[in-house]
Amino acid sequence: MRAVAIVAVATALVSTAMAAPAPGRKGAWGWGRPGAWHRKKGYGHGKGDQCLSDEDAAEVASVFQQLIQGYTLELTEEALTVDFEDYSSAVNIIRNRGGEAPFPVDAITFKSREEFSANHGKQPNIPFETLNVFHGCNSTSVRWKTVRSGNGQPNEQAVIPVIGTAILETIPDEENSFGWRIKTLFSEFNTAAWLVNNGVFTPNSTLTPPPAEPWVNPNKAA
């Protein structure tokens, strides 16, 4: 969901508002844990019946949040597949600064984990609140909100709330600390507010200015 200052960075069963799980569990970032997906009845046999549990989905949502507000290359390589794909017309039009080019608005945004990291890793952290989490067997949907979409940008001019939705498709992986990896991300959010907050457009109305100091993630791994 954050590109330009911003690179982007749902099958429903459970809905819960959440913050990142507390540190102290297995994993370099404090929220990882070992083990494969939990098996559920009704999804066939063998690999076909490996499904995300409520706990797994909460962890997927937490990792998504940390990729945006506390990005590290280490986390990206642990949580995403090598052939990870990111689709977001919102990110594409933000990269175009509100126009239709040079990035096709309806095209794939990032075609691999490497491409995602090369673009996403250069951007300031964007703090956001997780509002809801919904999940199915192999997908987790996250509804989120931020008021600092222009965080760290010299032209940040407002703190209009931006609400978005991310759908994360996952596959089992018994070799990493999570027991799964994110294979595909579909993300959309309020680009009008995002562009205003970043000073690309100035509306004919009163804007609440942002805090003088940029937000810094106190829990970001060194």
C-alpha atoms as a PDB file:
ATOM      1  CA  MET A   1       0.000   0.000   0.000  1.00  0.00           C
ATOM      2  CA  ARG A   2       2.656   2.563  -0.154  1.00  0.00           C
ATOM      3  CA  ALA A   3       3.822   3.858  -3.496  1.00  0.00           C
ATOM      4  CA  VAL A   4       5.164   7.317  -4.217  1.00  0.00           C
ATOM      5  CA  ALA A   5       5.225   7.440  -0.530  1.00  0.00           C
ATOM      6  CA  ILE A   6       3.246   4.458  -0.474  1.00  0.00           C
ATOM      7  CA  VAL A   7       3.392   0.952  -1.671  1.00  0.00           C
ATOM      8  CA  ALA A   8       0.597  -1.371  -1.125  1.00  0.00           C
ATOM      9  CA  VAL A   9       0.613  -2.721   0.465  1.00  0.00           C
ATOM     10  CA  ALA A  10     -11.470 -10.780   1.604  1.00  0.00           C
ATOM     11  CA  THR A  11     -14.429 -15.615   2.322  1.00  0.00           C
ATOM     12  CA  ALA A  12     -15.582 -14.938   5.782  1.00  0.00           C
ATOM     13  CA  LEU A  13     -15.821 -16.832   9.041  1.00  0.00           C
ATOM     14  CA  VAL A  14     -14.347 -14.786  11.863  1.00  0.00           C
ATOM     15  CA  SER A  15     -14.403 -11.046  12.508  1.00  0.00           C
ATOM     16  CA  THR A  16     -12.258  -9.467  15.161  1.00  0.00           C
ATOM     17  CA  ALA A  17     -10.476  -6.202  15.743  1.00  0.00           C
ATOM     18  CA  MET A  18      -6.846  -6.786  16.681  1.00  0.00           C
ATOM     19  CA  ALA A  19      -3.429  -5.440  17.409  1.00  0.00           C
ATOM     20  CA  ALA A  20      -0.193  -7.297  16.709  1.00  0.00           C
ATOM     21  CA  PRO A  21       0.289 -10.291  19.042  1.00  0.00           C
ATOM     22  CA  ALA A  22       2.627  -9.670  21.928  1.00  0.00           C
ATOM     23  CA  PRO A  23       6.349 -10.425  21.579  1.00  0.00           C
ATOM     24  CA  GLY A  24       7.861 -13.497  23.149  1.00  0.00           C
ATOM     25  CA  ARG A  25       6.604 -16.212  20.825  1.00  0.00           C
ATOM     26  CA  LYS A  26       8.781 -18.094  18.362  1.00  0.00           C
ATOM     27  CA  GLY A  27       9.922 -16.014  15.419  1.00  0.00           C
ATOM     28  CA  ALA A  28      12.373 -13.208  14.751  1.00  0.00           C
ATOM     29  CA  TRP A  29       9.690 -10.538  15.011  1.00  0.00           C
ATOM     30  CA  GLY A  30       7.845 -11.721  18.109  1.00  0.00           C
ATOM     31  CA  TRP A  31       4.696 -13.124  16.523  1.00  0.00           C
ATOM     32  CA  GLY A  32       5.878 -16.144  14.551  1.00  0.00           C
ATOM     33  CA  ARG A  33       5.104 -19.682  15.657  1.00  0.00           C
ATOM     34  CA  PRO A  34       5.953 -23.131  14.308  1.00  0.00           C
ATOM     35  CA  GLY A  35       3.554 -25.622  12.790  1.00  0.00           C
ATOM     36  CA  ALA A  36       1.455 -26.198   9.708  1.00  0.00           C
ATOM     37  CA  TRP A  37      -2.132 -25.196   9.128  1.00  0.00           C
ATOM     38  CA  HIS A  38      -4.811 -26.794  11.242  1.00  0.00           C
ATOM     39  CA  ARG A  39      -6.900 -29.512   9.608  1.00  0.00           C
ATOM     40  CA  LYS A  40     -10.649 -29.000   9.365  1.00  0.00           C
ATOM     41  CA  LYS A  41     -13.412 -31.377   8.358  1.00  0.00           C
ATOM     42  CA  GLY A  42     -15.229 -30.819   5.111  1.00  0.00           C
ATOM     43  CA  TYR A  43     -12.275 -29.816   2.922  1.00  0.00           C
ATOM     44  CA  GLY A  44     -11.284 -33.236   1.579  1.00  0.00           C
ATOM     45  CA  HIS A  45      -8.247 -35.319   2.474  1.00  0.00           C
ATOM     46  CA  GLY A  46      -4.488 -34.830   2.471  1.00  0.00           C
ATOM     47  CA  LYS A  47      -3.216 -31.388   1.539  1.00  0.00           C
ATOM     48  CA  GLY A  48      -6.672 -30.387   0.391  1.00  0.00           C
ATOM     49  CA  ASP A  49      -7.986 -30.256   3.951  1.00  0.00           C
ATOM     50  CA  GLN A  50      -5.304 -27.969   5.346  1.00  0.00           C
ATOM     51  CA  CYS A  51      -7.084 -24.772   6.310  1.00  0.00           C
ATOM     52  CA  LEU A  52      -6.295 -21.612   8.220  1.00  0.00           C
ATOM     53  CA  SER A  53      -7.472 -21.523  11.822  1.00  0.00           C
ATOM     54  CA  ASP A  54      -8.758 -18.360  13.497  1.00  0.00           C
ATOM     55  CA  GLU A  55      -5.329 -17.995  15.106  1.00  0.00           C
ATOM     56  CA  ASP A  56      -3.586 -18.393  11.750  1.00  0.00           C
ATOM     57  CA  ALA A  57      -5.779 -15.699  10.179  1.00  0.00           C
ATOM     58  CA  ALA A  58      -5.065 -13.312  13.051  1.00  0.00           C
ATOM     59  CA  GLU A  59      -1.366 -13.903  12.482  1.00  0.00           C
ATOM     60  CA  VAL A  60      -1.679 -13.316   8.717  1.00  0.00           C
ATOM     61  CA  ALA A  61      -3.383  -9.989   9.480  1.00  0.00           C
ATOM     62  CA  SER A  62      -0.650  -9.081  11.944  1.00  0.00           C
ATOM     63  CA  VAL A  63       2.100  -9.850   9.431  1.00  0.00           C
ATOM     64  CA  PHE A  64       0.314  -7.742   6.808  1.00  0.00           C
ATOM     65  CA  GLN A  65       0.180  -4.861   9.277  1.00  0.00           C
ATOM     66  CA  GLN A  66       3.876  -5.176  10.072  1.00  0.00           C
ATOM     67  CA  LEU A  67       4.824  -5.267   6.382  1.00  0.00           C
ATOM     68  CA  ILE A  68       3.240  -1.828   6.056  1.00  0.00           C
ATOM     69  CA  GLN A  69       4.133  -0.120   9.326  1.00  0.00           C
ATOM     70  CA  GLY A  70       7.354  -1.942  10.229  1.00  0.00           C
ATOM     71  CA  TYR A  71       8.774  -3.347   6.996  1.00  0.00           C
ATOM     72  CA  THR A  72      11.951  -5.426   7.078  1.00  0.00           C
ATOM     73  CA  LEU A  73      13.496  -7.503   4.314  1.00  0.00           C
ATOM     74  CA  GLU A  74      13.816 -10.384   6.768  1.00  0.00           C
ATOM     75  CA  LEU A  75      10.077 -10.459   7.423  1.00  0.00           C
ATOM     76  CA  THR A  76       9.285 -10.183   3.718  1.00  0.00           C
ATOM     77  CA  GLU A  77      11.474 -13.171   2.874  1.00  0.00           C
ATOM     78  CA  GLU A  78       9.973 -15.212   5.703  1.00  0.00           C
ATOM     79  CA  ALA A  79       6.309 -14.378   5.058  1.00  0.00           C
ATOM     80  CA  LEU A  80       5.979 -14.064   1.249  1.00  0.00           C
ATOM     81  CA  THR A  81       6.469 -16.657  -1.481  1.00  0.00           C
ATOM     82  CA  VAL A  82       9.208 -16.012  -4.036  1.00  0.00           C
ATOM     83  CA  ASP A  83       6.525 -15.715  -6.739  1.00  0.00           C
ATOM     84  CA  PHE A  84       4.360 -13.410  -4.593  1.00  0.00           C
ATOM     85  CA  GLU A  85       2.014 -11.165  -6.604  1.00  0.00           C
ATOM     86  CA  ASP A  86       0.428  -7.868  -5.549  1.00  0.00           C
ATOM     87  CA  TYR A  87      -2.650  -6.425  -7.287  1.00  0.00           C
ATOM     88  CA  SER A  88      -3.878  -2.919  -6.426  1.00  0.00           C
ATOM     89  CA  SER A  89      -5.461  -0.361  -8.742  1.00  0.00           C
ATOM     90  CA  ALA A  90      -5.243   2.029  -5.778  1.00  0.00           C
ATOM     91  CA  VAL A  91      -1.466   1.727  -5.584  1.00  0.00           C
ATOM     92  CA  ASN A  92      -1.119   1.983  -9.359  1.00  0.00           C
ATOM     93  CA  ILE A  93      -3.036   5.248  -9.594  1.00  0.00           C
ATOM     94  CA  ILE A  94      -1.132   6.666  -6.627  1.00  0.00           C
ATOM     95  CA  ARG A  95       2.137   5.837  -8.367  1.00  0.00           C
ATOM     96  CA  ASN A  96       0.712   7.810 -11.309  1.00  0.00           C
ATOM     97  CA  ARG A  97      -0.103  10.708  -8.941  1.00  0.00           C
ATOM     98  CA  GLY A  98      -3.769  10.452  -9.875  1.00  0.00           C
ATOM     99  CA  GLY A  99      -3.287   9.899 -13.611  1.00  0.00           C
ATOM    100  CA  GLU A 100      -3.723   6.892 -15.900  1.00  0.00           C
ATOM    101  CA  ALA A 101      -0.031   6.476 -16.808  1.00  0.00           C
ATOM    102  CA  PRO A 102       2.735   5.384 -16.766  1.00  0.00           C
ATOM    103  CA  PHE A 103       1.477   2.415 -14.724  1.00  0.00           C
ATOM    104  CA  PRO A 104      -1.692   0.742 -16.120  1.00  0.00           C
ATOM    105  CA  VAL A 105      -4.272   1.205 -13.386  1.00  0.00           C
ATOM    106  CA  ASP A 106      -5.836  -2.252 -13.813  1.00  0.00           C
ATOM    107  CA  ALA A 107      -2.561  -4.189 -14.186  1.00  0.00           C
ATOM    108  CA  ILE A 108      -0.593  -6.227 -11.659  1.00  0.00           C
ATOM    109  CA  THR A 109       1.347  -3.970  -9.284  1.00  0.00           C
ATOM    110  CA  PHE A 110       4.286  -6.176  -8.274  1.00  0.00           C
ATOM    111  CA  LYS A 111       5.094  -9.484  -9.957  1.00  0.00           C
ATOM    112  CA  SER A 112       7.442 -11.014  -7.381  1.00  0.00           C
ATOM    113  CA  ARG A 113       8.670 -10.794  -3.804  1.00  0.00           C
ATOM    114  CA  GLU A 114      11.863  -9.194  -5.073  1.00  0.00           C
ATOM    115  CA  GLU A 115       9.959  -6.476  -6.954  1.00  0.00           C
ATOM    116  CA  PHE A 116       7.717  -5.831  -3.948  1.00  0.00           C
ATOM    117  CA  SER A 117      10.750  -5.437  -1.681  1.00  0.00           C
ATOM    118  CA  ALA A 118      12.615  -3.191  -4.121  1.00  0.00           C
ATOM    119  CA  ASN A 119       9.722  -0.712  -4.143  1.00  0.00           C
ATOM    120  CA  HIS A 120       8.080  -1.147  -0.766  1.00  0.00           C
ATOM    121  CA  GLY A 121      11.293  -1.167   1.259  1.00  0.00           C
ATOM    122  CA  LYS A 122      12.178   2.399   0.261  1.00  0.00           C
ATOM    123  CA  GLN A 123       9.013   3.948   1.659  1.00  0.00           C
ATOM    124  CA  PRO A 124       8.315   5.442   5.111  1.00  0.00           C
ATOM    125  CA  ASN A 125       6.286   3.362   7.536  1.00  0.00           C
ATOM    126  CA  ILE A 126       2.526   3.888   7.409  1.00  0.00           C
ATOM    127  CA  PRO A 127       0.815   3.293  10.773  1.00  0.00           C
ATOM    128  CA  PHE A 128      -2.601   1.689  10.556  1.00  0.00           C
ATOM    129  CA  GLU A 129      -5.266   0.125  12.712  1.00  0.00           C
ATOM    130  CA  THR A 130      -6.753  -3.273  11.924  1.00  0.00           C
ATOM    131  CA  LEU A 131     -10.547  -2.970  12.049  1.00  0.00           C
ATOM    132  CA  ASN A 132     -11.773  -6.443  11.055  1.00  0.00           C
ATOM    133  CA  VAL A 133     -10.401  -9.818   9.998  1.00  0.00           C
ATOM    134  CA  PHE A 134     -12.346 -12.444   8.033  1.00  0.00           C
ATOM    135  CA  HIS A 135     -11.011 -15.750   6.743  1.00  0.00           C
ATOM    136  CA  GLY A 136     -11.789 -18.850   4.744  1.00  0.00           C
ATOM    137  CA  CYS A 137      -9.695 -21.938   4.120  1.00  0.00           C
ATOM    138  CA  ASN A 138      -6.759 -20.301   2.354  1.00  0.00           C
ATOM    139  CA  SER A 139      -7.502 -16.567   2.401  1.00  0.00           C
ATOM    140  CA  THR A 140      -7.618 -13.803   4.988  1.00  0.00           C
ATOM    141  CA  SER A 141      -9.381 -10.477   4.507  1.00  0.00           C
ATOM    142  CA  VAL A 142      -8.313  -7.431   6.492  1.00  0.00           C
ATOM    143  CA  ARG A 143     -10.216  -4.161   6.839  1.00  0.00           C
ATOM    144  CA  TRP A 144      -7.910  -1.396   8.034  1.00  0.00           C
ATOM    145  CA  LYS A 145      -7.650   2.372   8.674  1.00  0.00           C
ATOM    146  CA  THR A 146      -4.846   4.938   8.741  1.00  0.00           C
ATOM    147  CA  VAL A 147      -4.830   8.699   9.319  1.00  0.00           C
ATOM    148  CA  ARG A 148      -1.130   9.090   8.441  1.00  0.00           C
ATOM    149  CA  SER A 149      -0.987   7.955   4.819  1.00  0.00           C
ATOM    150  CA  GLY A 150       1.425  10.824   4.163  1.00  0.00           C
ATOM    151  CA  ASN A 151       3.675   9.912   7.081  1.00  0.00           C
ATOM    152  CA  GLY A 152       7.291  10.859   6.483  1.00  0.00           C
ATOM    153  CA  GLN A 153       6.605  12.766   3.273  1.00  0.00           C
ATOM    154  CA  PRO A 154       7.707  16.402   2.864  1.00  0.00           C
ATOM    155  CA  ASN A 155       4.350  17.364   1.323  1.00  0.00           C
ATOM    156  CA  GLU A 156       2.129  15.729   3.947  1.00  0.00           C
ATOM    157  CA  GLN A 157      -0.728  18.198   4.445  1.00  0.00           C
ATOM    158  CA  ALA A 158      -3.664  16.394   6.057  1.00  0.00           C
ATOM    159  CA  VAL A 159      -4.795  13.437   8.140  1.00  0.00           C
ATOM    160  CA  ILE A 160      -7.991  12.397   6.365  1.00  0.00           C
ATOM    161  CA  PRO A 161      -8.832   8.814   7.421  1.00  0.00           C
ATOM    162  CA  VAL A 162      -8.124   6.231   4.741  1.00  0.00           C
ATOM    163  CA  ILE A 163      -9.990   2.920   4.994  1.00  0.00           C
ATOM    164  CA  GLY A 164      -9.055  -0.059   2.885  1.00  0.00           C
ATOM    165  CA  THR A 165      -9.448  -3.790   2.404  1.00  0.00           C
ATOM    166  CA  ALA A 166      -6.754  -6.371   1.728  1.00  0.00           C
ATOM    167  CA  ILE A 167      -7.308  -9.975   0.636  1.00  0.00           C
ATOM    168  CA  LEU A 168      -4.328 -12.235   1.287  1.00  0.00           C
ATOM    169  CA  GLU A 169      -4.143 -15.704  -0.268  1.00  0.00           C
ATOM    170  CA  THR A 170      -1.863 -18.099   1.578  1.00  0.00           C
ATOM    171  CA  ILE A 171      -0.315 -21.527   1.051  1.00  0.00           C
ATOM    172  CA  PRO A 172       0.990 -23.977   3.679  1.00  0.00           C
ATOM    173  CA  ASP A 173       4.714 -23.977   4.439  1.00  0.00           C
ATOM    174  CA  GLU A 174       5.990 -26.240   7.189  1.00  0.00           C
ATOM    175  CA  GLU A 175       9.556 -24.976   6.794  1.00  0.00           C
ATOM    176  CA  ASN A 176       9.152 -21.392   8.043  1.00  0.00           C
ATOM    177  CA  SER A 177       8.161 -20.005  11.445  1.00  0.00           C
ATOM    178  CA  PHE A 178       4.546 -19.283  10.488  1.00  0.00           C
ATOM    179  CA  GLY A 179       3.432 -22.534   8.852  1.00  0.00           C
ATOM    180  CA  TRP A 180       2.200 -20.563   5.820  1.00  0.00           C
ATOM    181  CA  ARG A 181       3.305 -17.967   3.271  1.00  0.00           C
ATOM    182  CA  ILE A 182       1.396 -15.162   1.562  1.00  0.00           C
ATOM    183  CA  LYS A 183       1.205 -15.892  -2.161  1.00  0.00           C
ATOM    184  CA  THR A 184      -1.137 -13.167  -3.443  1.00  0.00           C
ATOM    185  CA  LEU A 185      -2.321  -9.782  -2.178  1.00  0.00           C
ATOM    186  CA  PHE A 186      -5.360  -7.899  -3.507  1.00  0.00           C
ATOM    187  CA  SER A 187      -5.583  -4.432  -1.964  1.00  0.00           C
ATOM    188  CA  GLU A 188      -7.868  -1.428  -2.491  1.00  0.00           C
ATOM    189  CA  PHE A 189      -8.361   1.745  -0.467  1.00  0.00           C
ATOM    190  CA  ASN A 190      -9.457   5.406  -0.589  1.00  0.00           C
ATOM    191  CA  THR A 191      -6.965   6.912  -3.029  1.00  0.00           C
ATOM    192  CA  ALA A 192      -8.605  10.360  -3.054  1.00  0.00           C
ATOM    193  CA  ALA A 193      -7.907  10.845   0.656  1.00  0.00           C
ATOM    194  CA  TRP A 194      -4.429   9.332   0.248  1.00  0.00           C
ATOM    195  CA  LEU A 195      -3.487  11.777  -2.527  1.00  0.00           C
ATOM    196  CA  VAL A 196      -4.847  14.755  -0.575  1.00  0.00           C
ATOM    197  CA  ASN A 197      -2.952  13.710   2.561  1.00  0.00           C
ATOM    198  CA  ASN A 198       0.240  13.520   0.483  1.00  0.00           C
ATOM    199  CA  GLY A 199      -0.245  16.982  -0.993  1.00  0.00           C
ATOM    200  CA  VAL A 200      -0.882  15.836  -4.565  1.00  0.00           C
ATOM    201  CA  PHE A 201      -4.276  17.561  -4.560  1.00  0.00           C
ATOM    202  CA  THR A 202      -5.630  20.339  -2.343  1.00  0.00           C
ATOM    203  CA  PRO A 203      -9.443  20.448  -1.987  1.00  0.00           C
ATOM    204  CA  ASN A 204     -11.497  23.604  -1.532  1.00  0.00           C
ATOM    205  CA  SER A 205     -12.202  22.827   2.098  1.00  0.00           C
ATOM    206  CA  THR A 206     -10.541  23.014   5.485  1.00  0.00           C
ATOM    207  CA  LEU A 207      -7.897  20.380   6.203  1.00  0.00           C
ATOM    208  CA  THR A 208      -6.640  19.222   9.590  1.00  0.00           C
ATOM    209  CA  PRO A 209      -2.835  19.415   9.432  1.00  0.00           C
ATOM    210  CA  PRO A 210      -0.709  16.426  10.470  1.00  0.00           C
ATOM    211  CA  PRO A 211       1.448  16.374  13.616  1.00  0.00           C
ATOM    212  CA  ALA A 212       4.755  18.196  13.272  1.00  0.00           C
ATOM    213  CA  GLU A 213       6.805  15.029  13.739  1.00  0.00           C
ATOM    214  CA  PRO A 214       6.507  11.899  11.562  1.00  0.00           C
ATOM    215  CA  TRP A 215       5.266   8.700  13.156  1.00  0.00           C
ATOM    216  CA  VAL A 216       8.025   6.221  14.028  1.00  0.00           C
ATOM    217  CA  ASN A 217       7.243   2.581  14.758  1.00  0.00           C
ATOM    218  CA  PRO A 218       8.592   1.907  18.271  1.00  0.00           C
ATOM    219  CA  ASN A 219       8.433  -1.863  17.742  1.00  0.00           C
ATOM    220  CA  LYS A 220      10.167  -2.100  14.360  1.00  0.00           C
ATOM    221  CA  ALA A 221      12.958  -4.643  14.322  1.00  0.00           C
ATOM    222  CA  ALA A 222      16.412  -3.176  13.868  1.00  0.00           C
END
